[in-house]
mmCIF file of all heavy atoms, coordinates in Angstrom:
data_MODEL
# 
_entry.id   MODEL 
# 
loop_
_atom_site.group_PDB 
_atom_site.id 
_atom_site.type_symbol 
_atom_site.label_atom_id 
_atom_site.label_alt_id 
_atom_site.label_comp_id 
_atom_site.label_asym_id 
_atom_site.label_entity_id 
_atom_site.label_seq_id 
_atom_site.pdbx_PDB_ins_code 
_atom_site.Cartn_x 
_atom_site.Cartn_y 
_atom_site.Cartn_z 
_atom_site.occupancy 
_atom_site.B_iso_or_equiv 
_atom_site.pdbx_formal_charge 
_atom_site.auth_seq_id 
_atom_site.auth_comp_id 
_atom_site.auth_asym_id 
_atom_site.auth_atom_id 
_atom_site.pdbx_PDB_model_num 
ATOM 1   N N   . ILE A 1 1  ? 92.663  101.253 99.610  1.00 0.00 ? 1  ILE A N   1 
ATOM 2   C CA  . ILE A 1 1  ? 93.431  101.915 98.543  1.00 0.00 ? 1  ILE A CA  1 
ATOM 3   C C   . ILE A 1 1  ? 92.647  101.908 97.154  1.00 0.00 ? 1  ILE A C   1 
ATOM 4   O O   . ILE A 1 1  ? 92.510  100.865 96.533  1.00 0.00 ? 1  ILE A O   1 
ATOM 5   C CB  . ILE A 1 1  ? 94.749  101.212 98.273  1.00 0.00 ? 1  ILE A CB  1 
ATOM 6   C CG1 . ILE A 1 1  ? 95.578  101.171 99.630  1.00 0.00 ? 1  ILE A CG1 1 
ATOM 7   C CG2 . ILE A 1 1  ? 95.574  101.984 97.219  1.00 0.00 ? 1  ILE A CG2 1 
ATOM 8   C CD1 . ILE A 1 1  ? 96.825  100.380 99.582  1.00 0.00 ? 1  ILE A CD1 1 
ATOM 9   N N   . PRO A 1 2  ? 91.939  103.025 96.792  1.00 0.00 ? 2  PRO A N   1 
ATOM 10  C CA  . PRO A 1 2  ? 91.246  103.085 95.593  1.00 0.00 ? 2  PRO A CA  1 
ATOM 11  C C   . PRO A 1 2  ? 92.350  102.976 94.428  1.00 0.00 ? 2  PRO A C   1 
ATOM 12  O O   . PRO A 1 2  ? 93.358  103.502 94.649  1.00 0.00 ? 2  PRO A O   1 
ATOM 13  C CB  . PRO A 1 2  ? 90.598  104.410 95.590  1.00 0.00 ? 2  PRO A CB  1 
ATOM 14  C CG  . PRO A 1 2  ? 90.526  104.841 96.962  1.00 0.00 ? 2  PRO A CG  1 
ATOM 15  C CD  . PRO A 1 2  ? 91.792  104.265 97.600  1.00 0.00 ? 2  PRO A CD  1 
ATOM 16  N N   . GLY A 1 3  ? 91.929  102.295 93.330  1.00 0.00 ? 3  GLY A N   1 
ATOM 17  C CA  . GLY A 1 3  ? 92.825  102.279 92.278  1.00 0.00 ? 3  GLY A CA  1 
ATOM 18  C C   . GLY A 1 3  ? 92.384  101.281 91.163  1.00 0.00 ? 3  GLY A C   1 
ATOM 19  O O   . GLY A 1 3  ? 91.185  100.982 91.143  1.00 0.00 ? 3  GLY A O   1 
ATOM 20  N N   . PHE A 1 4  ? 93.276  100.982 90.319  1.00 0.00 ? 4  PHE A N   1 
ATOM 21  C CA  . PHE A 1 4  ? 92.984  100.177 89.132  1.00 0.00 ? 4  PHE A CA  1 
ATOM 22  C C   . PHE A 1 4  ? 93.696  98.786  89.194  1.00 0.00 ? 4  PHE A C   1 
ATOM 23  O O   . PHE A 1 4  ? 94.155  98.458  90.292  1.00 0.00 ? 4  PHE A O   1 
ATOM 24  C CB  . PHE A 1 4  ? 93.310  100.918 87.856  1.00 0.00 ? 4  PHE A CB  1 
ATOM 25  C CG  . PHE A 1 4  ? 92.419  102.163 87.756  1.00 0.00 ? 4  PHE A CG  1 
ATOM 26  C CD1 . PHE A 1 4  ? 92.864  103.337 88.299  1.00 0.00 ? 4  PHE A CD1 1 
ATOM 27  C CD2 . PHE A 1 4  ? 91.251  102.107 87.078  1.00 0.00 ? 4  PHE A CD2 1 
ATOM 28  C CE1 . PHE A 1 4  ? 92.112  104.451 88.193  1.00 0.00 ? 4  PHE A CE1 1 
ATOM 29  C CE2 . PHE A 1 4  ? 90.459  103.211 86.948  1.00 0.00 ? 4  PHE A CE2 1 
ATOM 30  C CZ  . PHE A 1 4  ? 90.948  104.492 87.572  1.00 0.00 ? 4  PHE A CZ  1 
ATOM 31  N N   . ALA A 1 5  ? 93.980  98.152  88.112  1.00 0.00 ? 5  ALA A N   1 
ATOM 32  C CA  . ALA A 1 5  ? 94.410  96.782  88.013  1.00 0.00 ? 5  ALA A CA  1 
ATOM 33  C C   . ALA A 1 5  ? 95.856  96.686  88.692  1.00 0.00 ? 5  ALA A C   1 
ATOM 34  O O   . ALA A 1 5  ? 96.143  95.629  89.279  1.00 0.00 ? 5  ALA A O   1 
ATOM 35  C CB  . ALA A 1 5  ? 94.490  96.359  86.603  1.00 0.00 ? 5  ALA A CB  1 
ATOM 36  N N   . ASP A 1 6  ? 96.735  97.761  88.506  1.00 0.00 ? 6  ASP A N   1 
ATOM 37  C CA  . ASP A 1 6  ? 98.042  97.623  89.180  1.00 0.00 ? 6  ASP A CA  1 
ATOM 38  C C   . ASP A 1 6  ? 98.001  97.529  90.723  1.00 0.00 ? 6  ASP A C   1 
ATOM 39  O O   . ASP A 1 6  ? 98.781  96.854  91.335  1.00 0.00 ? 6  ASP A O   1 
ATOM 40  C CB  . ASP A 1 6  ? 98.902  98.824  88.672  1.00 0.00 ? 6  ASP A CB  1 
ATOM 41  C CG  . ASP A 1 6  ? 98.333  100.170 89.104  1.00 0.00 ? 6  ASP A CG  1 
ATOM 42  O OD1 . ASP A 1 6  ? 97.105  100.271 89.343  1.00 0.00 ? 6  ASP A OD1 1 
ATOM 43  O OD2 . ASP A 1 6  ? 99.115  101.092 89.178  1.00 0.00 ? 6  ASP A OD2 1 
ATOM 44  N N   . VAL A 1 7  ? 96.991  98.149  91.323  1.00 0.00 ? 7  VAL A N   1 
ATOM 45  C CA  . VAL A 1 7  ? 96.816  97.969  92.749  1.00 0.00 ? 7  VAL A CA  1 
ATOM 46  C C   . VAL A 1 7  ? 96.435  96.692  93.088  1.00 0.00 ? 7  VAL A C   1 
ATOM 47  O O   . VAL A 1 7  ? 96.858  95.964  94.039  1.00 0.00 ? 7  VAL A O   1 
ATOM 48  C CB  . VAL A 1 7  ? 95.851  99.103  93.257  1.00 0.00 ? 7  VAL A CB  1 
ATOM 49  C CG1 . VAL A 1 7  ? 95.498  98.856  94.789  1.00 0.00 ? 7  VAL A CG1 1 
ATOM 50  C CG2 . VAL A 1 7  ? 96.392  100.437 93.148  1.00 0.00 ? 7  VAL A CG2 1 
ATOM 51  N N   . GLY A 1 8  ? 95.343  96.116  92.410  1.00 0.00 ? 8  GLY A N   1 
ATOM 52  C CA  . GLY A 1 8  ? 94.896  94.863  92.589  1.00 0.00 ? 8  GLY A CA  1 
ATOM 53  C C   . GLY A 1 8  ? 95.936  93.806  92.505  1.00 0.00 ? 8  GLY A C   1 
ATOM 54  O O   . GLY A 1 8  ? 96.095  92.836  93.326  1.00 0.00 ? 8  GLY A O   1 
ATOM 55  N N   . GLN A 1 9  ? 96.764  93.846  91.475  1.00 0.00 ? 9  GLN A N   1 
ATOM 56  C CA  . GLN A 1 9  ? 97.839  92.973  91.219  1.00 0.00 ? 9  GLN A CA  1 
ATOM 57  C C   . GLN A 1 9  ? 98.912  93.018  92.327  1.00 0.00 ? 9  GLN A C   1 
ATOM 58  O O   . GLN A 1 9  ? 99.375  91.965  92.812  1.00 0.00 ? 9  GLN A O   1 
ATOM 59  C CB  . GLN A 1 9  ? 98.528  93.172  89.848  1.00 0.00 ? 9  GLN A CB  1 
ATOM 60  C CG  . GLN A 1 9  ? 99.598  92.154  89.571  1.00 0.00 ? 9  GLN A CG  1 
ATOM 61  C CD  . GLN A 1 9  ? 100.227 92.363  88.169  1.00 0.00 ? 9  GLN A CD  1 
ATOM 62  O OE1 . GLN A 1 9  ? 100.034 93.457  87.505  1.00 0.00 ? 9  GLN A OE1 1 
ATOM 63  N NE2 . GLN A 1 9  ? 100.911 91.356  87.643  1.00 0.00 ? 9  GLN A NE2 1 
ATOM 64  N N   . ALA A 1 10 ? 99.273  94.217  92.856  1.00 0.00 ? 10 ALA A N   1 
ATOM 65  C CA  . ALA A 1 10 ? 100.186 94.413  93.890  1.00 0.00 ? 10 ALA A CA  1 
ATOM 66  C C   . ALA A 1 10 ? 99.740  93.651  95.178  1.00 0.00 ? 10 ALA A C   1 
ATOM 67  O O   . ALA A 1 10 ? 100.457 93.142  95.842  1.00 0.00 ? 10 ALA A O   1 
ATOM 68  C CB  . ALA A 1 10 ? 100.509 95.885  94.097  1.00 0.00 ? 10 ALA A CB  1 
ATOM 69  N N   . MET A 1 11 ? 98.383  93.848  95.402  1.00 0.00 ? 11 MET A N   1 
ATOM 70  C CA  . MET A 1 11 ? 97.801  93.231  96.619  1.00 0.00 ? 11 MET A CA  1 
ATOM 71  C C   . MET A 1 11 ? 97.806  91.750  96.510  1.00 0.00 ? 11 MET A C   1 
ATOM 72  O O   . MET A 1 11 ? 98.255  91.026  97.491  1.00 0.00 ? 11 MET A O   1 
ATOM 73  C CB  . MET A 1 11 ? 96.405  93.734  96.787  1.00 0.00 ? 11 MET A CB  1 
ATOM 74  C CG  . MET A 1 11 ? 96.269  95.117  97.285  1.00 0.00 ? 11 MET A CG  1 
ATOM 75  S SD  . MET A 1 11 ? 94.653  95.842  97.071  1.00 0.00 ? 11 MET A SD  1 
ATOM 76  C CE  . MET A 1 11 ? 93.647  94.614  98.004  1.00 0.00 ? 11 MET A CE  1 
ATOM 77  N N   . THR A 1 12 ? 97.338  91.169  95.441  1.00 0.00 ? 12 THR A N   1 
ATOM 78  C CA  . THR A 1 12 ? 97.050  89.743  95.257  1.00 0.00 ? 12 THR A CA  1 
ATOM 79  C C   . THR A 1 12 ? 98.360  88.889  95.154  1.00 0.00 ? 12 THR A C   1 
ATOM 80  O O   . THR A 1 12 ? 98.404  87.698  95.363  1.00 0.00 ? 12 THR A O   1 
ATOM 81  C CB  . THR A 1 12 ? 96.084  89.433  94.192  1.00 0.00 ? 12 THR A CB  1 
ATOM 82  O OG1 . THR A 1 12 ? 96.643  89.931  92.959  1.00 0.00 ? 12 THR A OG1 1 
ATOM 83  C CG2 . THR A 1 12 ? 94.709  90.021  94.465  1.00 0.00 ? 12 THR A CG2 1 
ATOM 84  N N   . THR A 1 13 ? 99.448  89.598  94.681  1.00 0.00 ? 13 THR A N   1 
ATOM 85  C CA  . THR A 1 13 ? 100.726 88.872  94.466  1.00 0.00 ? 13 THR A CA  1 
ATOM 86  C C   . THR A 1 13 ? 101.697 89.062  95.580  1.00 0.00 ? 13 THR A C   1 
ATOM 87  O O   . THR A 1 13 ? 102.774 88.575  95.527  1.00 0.00 ? 13 THR A O   1 
ATOM 88  C CB  . THR A 1 13 ? 101.310 89.275  93.073  1.00 0.00 ? 13 THR A CB  1 
ATOM 89  O OG1 . THR A 1 13 ? 101.583 90.676  93.064  1.00 0.00 ? 13 THR A OG1 1 
ATOM 90  C CG2 . THR A 1 13 ? 100.405 88.905  91.928  1.00 0.00 ? 13 THR A CG2 1 
ATOM 91  N N   . HIS A 1 14 ? 101.349 89.949  96.492  1.00 0.00 ? 14 HIS A N   1 
ATOM 92  C CA  . HIS A 1 14 ? 102.339 90.284  97.596  1.00 0.00 ? 14 HIS A CA  1 
ATOM 93  C C   . HIS A 1 14 ? 102.611 89.056  98.350  1.00 0.00 ? 14 HIS A C   1 
ATOM 94  O O   . HIS A 1 14 ? 101.751 88.384  98.758  1.00 0.00 ? 14 HIS A O   1 
ATOM 95  C CB  . HIS A 1 14 ? 101.813 91.468  98.448  1.00 0.00 ? 14 HIS A CB  1 
ATOM 96  C CG  . HIS A 1 14 ? 102.881 92.151  99.245  1.00 0.00 ? 14 HIS A CG  1 
ATOM 97  N ND1 . HIS A 1 14 ? 103.480 91.552  100.260 1.00 0.00 ? 14 HIS A ND1 1 
ATOM 98  C CD2 . HIS A 1 14 ? 103.360 93.344  99.139  1.00 0.00 ? 14 HIS A CD2 1 
ATOM 99  C CE1 . HIS A 1 14 ? 104.413 92.357  100.762 1.00 0.00 ? 14 HIS A CE1 1 
ATOM 100 N NE2 . HIS A 1 14 ? 104.315 93.458  100.060 1.00 0.00 ? 14 HIS A NE2 1 
ATOM 101 N N   . PRO A 1 15 ? 103.928 88.780  98.603  1.00 0.00 ? 15 PRO A N   1 
ATOM 102 C CA  . PRO A 1 15 ? 104.300 87.578  99.352  1.00 0.00 ? 15 PRO A CA  1 
ATOM 103 C C   . PRO A 1 15 ? 103.813 87.543  100.853 1.00 0.00 ? 15 PRO A C   1 
ATOM 104 O O   . PRO A 1 15 ? 103.723 86.433  101.437 1.00 0.00 ? 15 PRO A O   1 
ATOM 105 C CB  . PRO A 1 15 ? 105.794 87.547  99.233  1.00 0.00 ? 15 PRO A CB  1 
ATOM 106 C CG  . PRO A 1 15 ? 106.266 88.939  99.009  1.00 0.00 ? 15 PRO A CG  1 
ATOM 107 C CD  . PRO A 1 15 ? 105.022 89.487  98.115  1.00 0.00 ? 15 PRO A CD  1 
ATOM 108 N N   . ASP A 1 16 ? 103.527 88.745  101.419 1.00 0.00 ? 16 ASP A N   1 
ATOM 109 C CA  . ASP A 1 16 ? 103.127 88.707  102.793 1.00 0.00 ? 16 ASP A CA  1 
ATOM 110 C C   . ASP A 1 16 ? 101.656 88.763  102.955 1.00 0.00 ? 16 ASP A C   1 
ATOM 111 O O   . ASP A 1 16 ? 101.112 88.796  104.056 1.00 0.00 ? 16 ASP A O   1 
ATOM 112 C CB  . ASP A 1 16 ? 103.702 90.075  103.471 1.00 0.00 ? 16 ASP A CB  1 
ATOM 113 C CG  . ASP A 1 16 ? 105.215 89.964  103.565 1.00 0.00 ? 16 ASP A CG  1 
ATOM 114 O OD1 . ASP A 1 16 ? 105.820 88.826  103.831 1.00 0.00 ? 16 ASP A OD1 1 
ATOM 115 O OD2 . ASP A 1 16 ? 105.891 91.066  103.446 1.00 0.00 ? 16 ASP A OD2 1 
ATOM 116 N N   . VAL A 1 17 ? 100.921 88.725  101.859 1.00 0.00 ? 17 VAL A N   1 
ATOM 117 C CA  . VAL A 1 17 ? 99.395  88.566  101.926 1.00 0.00 ? 17 VAL A CA  1 
ATOM 118 C C   . VAL A 1 17 ? 99.166  87.034  101.928 1.00 0.00 ? 17 VAL A C   1 
ATOM 119 O O   . VAL A 1 17 ? 99.629  86.284  101.090 1.00 0.00 ? 17 VAL A O   1 
ATOM 120 C CB  . VAL A 1 17 ? 98.731  89.241  100.721 1.00 0.00 ? 17 VAL A CB  1 
ATOM 121 C CG1 . VAL A 1 17 ? 97.293  88.765  100.663 1.00 0.00 ? 17 VAL A CG1 1 
ATOM 122 C CG2 . VAL A 1 17 ? 98.893  90.725  100.817 1.00 0.00 ? 17 VAL A CG2 1 
ATOM 123 N N   . ARG A 1 18 ? 98.266  86.613  102.830 1.00 0.00 ? 18 ARG A N   1 
ATOM 124 C CA  . ARG A 1 18 ? 97.988  85.226  103.003 1.00 0.00 ? 18 ARG A CA  1 
ATOM 125 C C   . ARG A 1 18 ? 96.717  84.775  102.467 1.00 0.00 ? 18 ARG A C   1 
ATOM 126 O O   . ARG A 1 18 ? 96.454  83.626  102.015 1.00 0.00 ? 18 ARG A O   1 
ATOM 127 C CB  . ARG A 1 18 ? 97.995  84.841  104.487 1.00 0.00 ? 18 ARG A CB  1 
ATOM 128 C CG  . ARG A 1 18 ? 97.731  83.335  104.778 1.00 0.00 ? 18 ARG A CG  1 
ATOM 129 C CD  . ARG A 1 18 ? 98.720  82.448  104.134 1.00 0.00 ? 18 ARG A CD  1 
ATOM 130 N NE  . ARG A 1 18 ? 98.447  81.091  104.434 1.00 0.00 ? 18 ARG A NE  1 
ATOM 131 C CZ  . ARG A 1 18 ? 98.937  80.010  103.787 1.00 0.00 ? 18 ARG A CZ  1 
ATOM 132 N NH1 . ARG A 1 18 ? 99.865  80.251  102.810 1.00 0.00 ? 18 ARG A NH1 1 
ATOM 133 N NH2 . ARG A 1 18 ? 98.740  78.782  104.153 1.00 0.00 ? 18 ARG A NH2 1 
ATOM 134 N N   . VAL A 1 19 ? 95.641  85.679  102.390 1.00 0.00 ? 19 VAL A N   1 
ATOM 135 C CA  . VAL A 1 19 ? 94.352  85.447  101.919 1.00 0.00 ? 19 VAL A CA  1 
ATOM 136 C C   . VAL A 1 19 ? 93.960  86.493  100.852 1.00 0.00 ? 19 VAL A C   1 
ATOM 137 O O   . VAL A 1 19 ? 94.122  87.703  101.107 1.00 0.00 ? 19 VAL A O   1 
ATOM 138 C CB  . VAL A 1 19 ? 93.271  85.392  103.003 1.00 0.00 ? 19 VAL A CB  1 
ATOM 139 C CG1 . VAL A 1 19 ? 91.922  85.055  102.482 1.00 0.00 ? 19 VAL A CG1 1 
ATOM 140 C CG2 . VAL A 1 19 ? 93.730  84.545  104.225 1.00 0.00 ? 19 VAL A CG2 1 
ATOM 141 N N   . VAL A 1 20 ? 93.408  85.997  99.756  1.00 0.00 ? 20 VAL A N   1 
ATOM 142 C CA  . VAL A 1 20 ? 92.807  86.905  98.761  1.00 0.00 ? 20 VAL A CA  1 
ATOM 143 C C   . VAL A 1 20 ? 91.351  86.606  98.684  1.00 0.00 ? 20 VAL A C   1 
ATOM 144 O O   . VAL A 1 20 ? 90.936  85.443  98.412  1.00 0.00 ? 20 VAL A O   1 
ATOM 145 C CB  . VAL A 1 20 ? 93.486  86.664  97.311  1.00 0.00 ? 20 VAL A CB  1 
ATOM 146 C CG1 . VAL A 1 20 ? 92.783  87.513  96.236  1.00 0.00 ? 20 VAL A CG1 1 
ATOM 147 C CG2 . VAL A 1 20 ? 94.967  87.014  97.379  1.00 0.00 ? 20 VAL A CG2 1 
ATOM 148 N N   . SER A 1 21 ? 90.560  87.649  98.865  1.00 0.00 ? 21 SER A N   1 
ATOM 149 C CA  . SER A 1 21 ? 89.099  87.477  98.829  1.00 0.00 ? 21 SER A CA  1 
ATOM 150 C C   . SER A 1 21 ? 88.628  88.512  97.792  1.00 0.00 ? 21 SER A C   1 
ATOM 151 O O   . SER A 1 21 ? 88.795  89.671  97.848  1.00 0.00 ? 21 SER A O   1 
ATOM 152 C CB  . SER A 1 21 ? 88.429  87.885  100.126 1.00 0.00 ? 21 SER A CB  1 
ATOM 153 O OG  . SER A 1 21 ? 86.994  87.727  100.062 1.00 0.00 ? 21 SER A OG  1 
ATOM 154 N N   . PHE A 1 22 ? 88.095  87.937  96.597  1.00 0.00 ? 22 PHE A N   1 
ATOM 155 C CA  . PHE A 1 22 ? 87.808  88.712  95.423  1.00 0.00 ? 22 PHE A CA  1 
ATOM 156 C C   . PHE A 1 22 ? 86.356  88.443  95.009  1.00 0.00 ? 22 PHE A C   1 
ATOM 157 O O   . PHE A 1 22 ? 85.920  87.270  94.955  1.00 0.00 ? 22 PHE A O   1 
ATOM 158 C CB  . PHE A 1 22 ? 88.692  88.281  94.360  1.00 0.00 ? 22 PHE A CB  1 
ATOM 159 C CG  . PHE A 1 22 ? 88.339  88.893  92.965  1.00 0.00 ? 22 PHE A CG  1 
ATOM 160 C CD1 . PHE A 1 22 ? 88.509  90.233  92.638  1.00 0.00 ? 22 PHE A CD1 1 
ATOM 161 C CD2 . PHE A 1 22 ? 87.800  88.170  91.964  1.00 0.00 ? 22 PHE A CD2 1 
ATOM 162 C CE1 . PHE A 1 22 ? 88.188  90.763  91.475  1.00 0.00 ? 22 PHE A CE1 1 
ATOM 163 C CE2 . PHE A 1 22 ? 87.411  88.644  90.771  1.00 0.00 ? 22 PHE A CE2 1 
ATOM 164 C CZ  . PHE A 1 22 ? 87.612  90.000  90.474  1.00 0.00 ? 22 PHE A CZ  1 
ATOM 165 N N   . THR A 1 23 ? 85.669  89.509  94.703  1.00 0.00 ? 23 THR A N   1 
ATOM 166 C CA  . THR A 1 23 ? 84.239  89.307  94.064  1.00 0.00 ? 23 THR A CA  1 
ATOM 167 C C   . THR A 1 23 ? 84.382  90.238  92.732  1.00 0.00 ? 23 THR A C   1 
ATOM 168 O O   . THR A 1 23 ? 84.652  91.398  92.816  1.00 0.00 ? 23 THR A O   1 
ATOM 169 C CB  . THR A 1 23 ? 83.217  89.939  94.955  1.00 0.00 ? 23 THR A CB  1 
ATOM 170 O OG1 . THR A 1 23 ? 83.156  89.191  96.159  1.00 0.00 ? 23 THR A OG1 1 
ATOM 171 C CG2 . THR A 1 23 ? 81.834  89.803  94.228  1.00 0.00 ? 23 THR A CG2 1 
ATOM 172 N N   . GLY A 1 24 ? 84.048  89.622  91.679  1.00 0.00 ? 24 GLY A N   1 
ATOM 173 C CA  . GLY A 1 24 ? 84.187  90.330  90.355  1.00 0.00 ? 24 GLY A CA  1 
ATOM 174 C C   . GLY A 1 24 ? 83.974  89.296  89.242  1.00 0.00 ? 24 GLY A C   1 
ATOM 175 O O   . GLY A 1 24 ? 83.256  88.290  89.367  1.00 0.00 ? 24 GLY A O   1 
# 
């Protein structure tokens, strides 16, 4: 999903996501 900060926030805070892998 290309996008901006709102997409990243929705991904990293979603309760059904178990792992966050971020480079930045």
